[in-house]
Protein backbone atom coordinates (compact mmCIF):
# COMPACT_ATOMS: atom_id res chain seq x y z
CA MET A 1 1.80 33.32 4.67
CA LEU A 2 3.64 30.28 3.40
CA ALA A 3 3.24 26.48 3.75
CA LEU A 4 5.67 23.58 3.77
CA TYR A 5 5.30 20.57 1.62
CA GLY A 6 7.53 17.68 2.78
CA GLY A 7 7.96 14.33 1.27
CA SER A 8 10.36 12.01 -0.41
CA PHE A 9 9.35 13.14 -3.91
CA ASP A 10 10.78 9.97 -5.35
CA PRO A 11 9.87 11.30 -7.90
CA ILE A 12 7.69 14.19 -7.84
CA HIS A 13 4.60 13.89 -10.04
CA ILE A 14 1.65 15.92 -11.34
CA GLY A 15 -0.59 14.91 -8.34
CA HIS A 16 1.91 16.61 -6.02
CA LEU A 17 1.88 19.73 -8.16
CA ARG A 18 -1.87 19.95 -8.81
CA ILE A 19 -2.94 19.54 -5.25
CA ALA A 20 -0.24 21.99 -3.91
CA GLU A 21 -1.64 24.49 -6.32
CA ASP A 22 -5.15 23.86 -5.15
CA ILE A 23 -4.10 24.28 -1.61
CA ARG A 24 -2.23 27.56 -2.47
CA GLU A 25 -5.28 28.99 -4.08
CA PHE A 26 -7.65 27.91 -1.49
CA TYR A 27 -5.87 29.31 1.56
CA SER A 28 -4.53 32.24 -0.33
CA LEU A 29 -0.87 31.23 0.44
CA SER A 30 1.91 33.46 -0.85
CA LYS A 31 4.23 30.50 -1.19
CA ILE A 32 4.71 26.84 -0.96
CA ILE A 33 8.03 25.40 -0.13
CA PHE A 34 8.72 21.87 -1.25
CA ILE A 35 11.17 20.19 1.23
CA PRO A 36 12.55 16.79 0.06
CA ALA A 37 13.49 14.49 2.94
CA TYR A 38 16.90 12.97 3.21
CA HIS A 39 15.36 9.80 4.64
CA SER A 40 11.83 9.83 6.15
CA PRO A 41 12.02 7.62 9.30
CA LEU A 42 8.69 5.77 8.70
CA LYS A 43 9.53 4.99 5.05
CA PRO A 44 12.05 2.76 3.11
CA GLU A 45 15.14 4.58 1.85
CA CYS A 46 14.68 6.58 -1.28
CA ARG A 47 15.41 4.77 -4.66
CA ALA A 48 16.67 7.99 -6.46
CA PRO A 49 19.88 9.80 -5.00
CA GLU A 50 19.12 13.05 -3.42
CA LYS A 51 20.69 15.04 -6.14
CA ASP A 52 18.44 13.53 -8.62
CA ARG A 53 15.31 14.10 -6.49
CA ILE A 54 16.30 17.81 -6.23
CA GLU A 55 16.97 18.23 -9.76
CA MET A 56 13.48 16.66 -10.62
CA LEU A 57 11.91 19.13 -8.15
CA LYS A 58 13.67 22.01 -9.78
CA LEU A 59 12.40 20.94 -13.24
CA SER A 60 8.87 20.71 -11.86
CA LEU A 61 8.71 23.86 -9.70
CA LYS A 62 10.27 26.26 -12.35
CA TYR A 63 6.84 26.86 -13.96
CA ASN A 64 5.16 28.28 -10.79
CA GLY A 65 6.30 31.44 -9.07
CA TYR A 66 4.52 30.40 -6.05
CA PHE A 67 6.42 27.36 -5.69
CA ASP A 68 9.99 27.09 -4.16
CA LEU A 69 12.47 24.46 -2.98
CA ASP A 70 14.38 24.11 0.28
CA ASP A 71 16.95 21.33 0.56
CA LEU A 72 17.69 21.78 4.39
CA GLU A 73 16.73 18.27 5.16
CA ILE A 74 19.01 16.78 2.49
CA LYS A 75 21.86 19.03 3.76
CA ARG A 76 21.12 17.99 7.37
CA LYS A 77 21.32 14.19 6.30
CA GLY A 78 20.38 11.46 8.55
CA LYS A 79 16.73 10.91 9.49
CA SER A 80 14.53 13.78 8.51
CA TYR A 81 12.33 14.86 11.38
CA THR A 82 9.59 17.23 10.59
CA ILE A 83 9.86 18.90 14.03
CA ASP A 84 13.33 20.06 13.29
CA THR A 85 12.27 21.69 10.00
CA ILE A 86 9.17 23.23 11.61
CA MET A 87 11.21 24.91 14.50
CA VAL A 88 13.73 26.26 11.83
CA TYR A 89 10.77 27.90 9.92
CA LYS A 90 8.81 29.12 13.04
CA ASN A 91 11.83 31.00 14.25
CA LYS A 92 12.66 32.38 10.79
CA LEU A 93 9.15 33.53 10.07
CA GLY A 94 7.91 34.54 13.41
CA TYR A 95 4.59 32.88 13.03
CA TYR A 96 3.29 29.30 12.96
CA PRO A 97 4.15 27.66 9.57
CA SER A 98 1.68 25.44 7.90
CA PHE A 99 2.50 21.78 7.00
CA ILE A 100 0.95 19.95 4.23
CA VAL A 101 0.54 16.25 4.74
CA GLY A 102 -1.57 13.48 3.22
CA THR A 103 -4.09 11.65 5.46
CA ASP A 104 -2.08 8.29 5.09
CA ALA A 105 0.94 9.99 6.59
CA PHE A 106 -0.98 12.13 9.13
CA LEU A 107 -2.73 9.02 10.53
CA THR A 108 0.73 7.89 11.78
CA LEU A 109 1.32 11.18 13.65
CA ASP A 110 1.43 9.30 16.94
CA ARG A 111 4.60 7.57 15.62
CA TRP A 112 6.44 10.76 14.53
CA LYS A 113 9.09 12.46 16.64
CA ASP A 114 7.56 14.88 19.28
CA PRO A 115 4.00 14.79 17.89
CA GLU A 116 2.64 16.98 20.70
CA LYS A 117 5.35 19.68 20.06
CA LEU A 118 4.48 19.63 16.48
CA LEU A 119 0.84 20.20 17.10
CA LYS A 120 1.78 23.15 19.38
CA ASN A 121 4.11 24.85 16.82
CA CYS A 122 2.49 24.42 13.31
CA ASN A 123 -0.73 24.22 11.42
CA PHE A 124 -1.46 21.16 9.61
CA ILE A 125 -3.25 21.00 6.33
CA VAL A 126 -4.31 17.39 6.09
CA VAL A 127 -4.97 16.34 2.33
CA GLY A 128 -7.89 13.87 1.91
CA ARG A 129 -6.87 10.93 0.11
CA GLY A 130 -8.74 7.71 -1.04
CA LYS A 131 -10.95 6.46 1.68
CA ASP A 132 -9.51 8.36 4.50
CA THR A 133 -12.35 10.73 5.52
CA LYS A 134 -12.61 13.66 7.58
CA ASP A 135 -14.43 11.59 10.25
CA LYS A 136 -11.47 9.14 10.41
CA VAL A 137 -8.99 12.01 10.85
CA ASN A 138 -11.14 13.52 13.63
CA ASN A 139 -11.56 10.24 15.42
CA PHE A 140 -7.71 9.73 15.15
CA LEU A 141 -7.19 13.21 16.71
CA LYS A 142 -9.72 12.68 19.34
CA ASN A 143 -8.32 9.17 20.33
CA LYS A 144 -4.60 9.91 20.13
CA PHE A 145 -4.29 13.73 20.96
CA SER A 146 -7.69 14.87 22.36
CA ARG A 147 -8.03 17.45 19.58
CA LYS A 148 -10.23 17.99 16.53
CA LEU A 149 -10.13 19.46 13.24
CA SER A 150 -10.67 23.24 12.81
CA LYS A 151 -13.97 24.06 11.36
CA LYS A 152 -12.56 27.26 9.70
CA ASN A 153 -11.43 27.59 6.14
CA ILE A 154 -9.02 30.44 6.89
CA ILE A 155 -5.66 29.63 8.51
CA GLU A 156 -4.63 31.95 11.43
CA PRO A 157 -0.86 32.05 11.44
CA GLN A 158 -0.69 33.37 15.00
CA LYS A 159 -2.51 30.26 16.10
CA THR A 160 -2.32 26.53 15.69
CA GLY A 161 -4.95 24.37 14.14
CA ILE A 162 -5.47 21.23 12.03
CA TYR A 163 -7.33 21.78 8.66
CA PHE A 164 -8.80 19.10 6.47
CA PHE A 165 -8.51 19.87 2.75
CA ASP A 166 -10.82 17.71 0.82
CA SER A 167 -8.58 17.28 -2.32
CA ARG A 168 -9.49 16.20 -5.76
CA ARG A 169 -8.57 12.43 -6.22
CA ILE A 170 -5.59 12.09 -8.44
CA ASP A 171 -4.70 8.49 -8.44
CA ILE A 172 -0.95 8.71 -9.07
CA SER A 173 1.78 7.64 -6.71
CA SER A 174 5.55 7.71 -6.97
CA THR A 175 5.50 4.07 -6.16
CA GLU A 176 3.55 3.28 -9.30
CA ILE A 177 5.87 5.45 -11.37
CA ARG A 178 8.91 3.60 -10.16
CA GLN A 179 7.32 0.25 -10.76
CA ARG A 180 6.27 1.34 -14.41
CA VAL A 181 9.83 2.46 -15.10
CA LYS A 182 11.18 -0.82 -13.80
CA GLU A 183 8.89 -2.71 -16.08
CA LYS A 184 9.79 -0.45 -19.08
CA ARG A 185 6.13 0.99 -19.27
CA SER A 186 5.13 4.65 -20.03
CA ILE A 187 5.05 7.36 -17.35
CA LYS A 188 3.79 9.89 -19.89
CA TYR A 189 1.37 12.31 -18.24
CA LEU A 190 2.13 11.07 -14.87
CA VAL A 191 5.11 13.47 -14.48
CA LEU A 192 6.07 16.57 -16.15
CA PRO A 193 7.89 15.93 -19.69
CA GLU A 194 11.24 17.25 -18.40
CA VAL A 195 11.04 14.84 -15.50
CA GLU A 196 10.19 11.87 -17.73
CA GLU A 197 13.20 12.75 -19.97
CA TYR A 198 15.31 13.10 -16.82
CA ILE A 199 14.29 9.70 -15.42
CA LEU A 200 14.93 7.99 -18.79
CA GLU A 201 18.18 9.84 -19.35
CA LYS A 202 19.62 8.90 -15.97
CA ARG A 203 18.23 5.50 -16.01
CA LEU A 204 16.62 5.93 -12.63
CA TYR A 205 14.28 3.24 -11.00
CA ARG A 206 15.56 0.46 -13.26
CA GLY A 207 15.95 -1.91 -10.52
């Protein structure tokens, strides 16, 4: 059973990697597929070109045999809608794929394209971040979709559910990394060394 991890990854950092590994281990996943968005509809346009974001992902994922990359949203271009990717994978796999998402993004689900269709066609693994608690997510689901979080810790791929993963708190963001590069400050230990070298060599995020 695999899970999909979508996002801008602008750039990918060690927080993304460690949390993905925690989720893989906790839910006994066979694979986590990182799917970089061409353009997330609810976010500003990416700062780094898509070819550079893909290259930084490749540099970061090569150390983990359970991690893989799919650039289908990059190839599709235009706005990247999660429902389109979910339906591709559901048809390919023959079961309901799981989609990893942070609480900050999940709490905007009512603004996504076809949110009800999404809830009927995939499992959500909602990653606890900051002050966004399980109760806050449950209240959101109750008020917006008349649903609630699953109480189980085992994902059933032939059913759909919403699972809350109480993640370790890694206070790193791509926004902070971009800002530090712009200010010519160190990003050491925030990204893998190869990614740091790539960012500096390609002069990304300089403003």
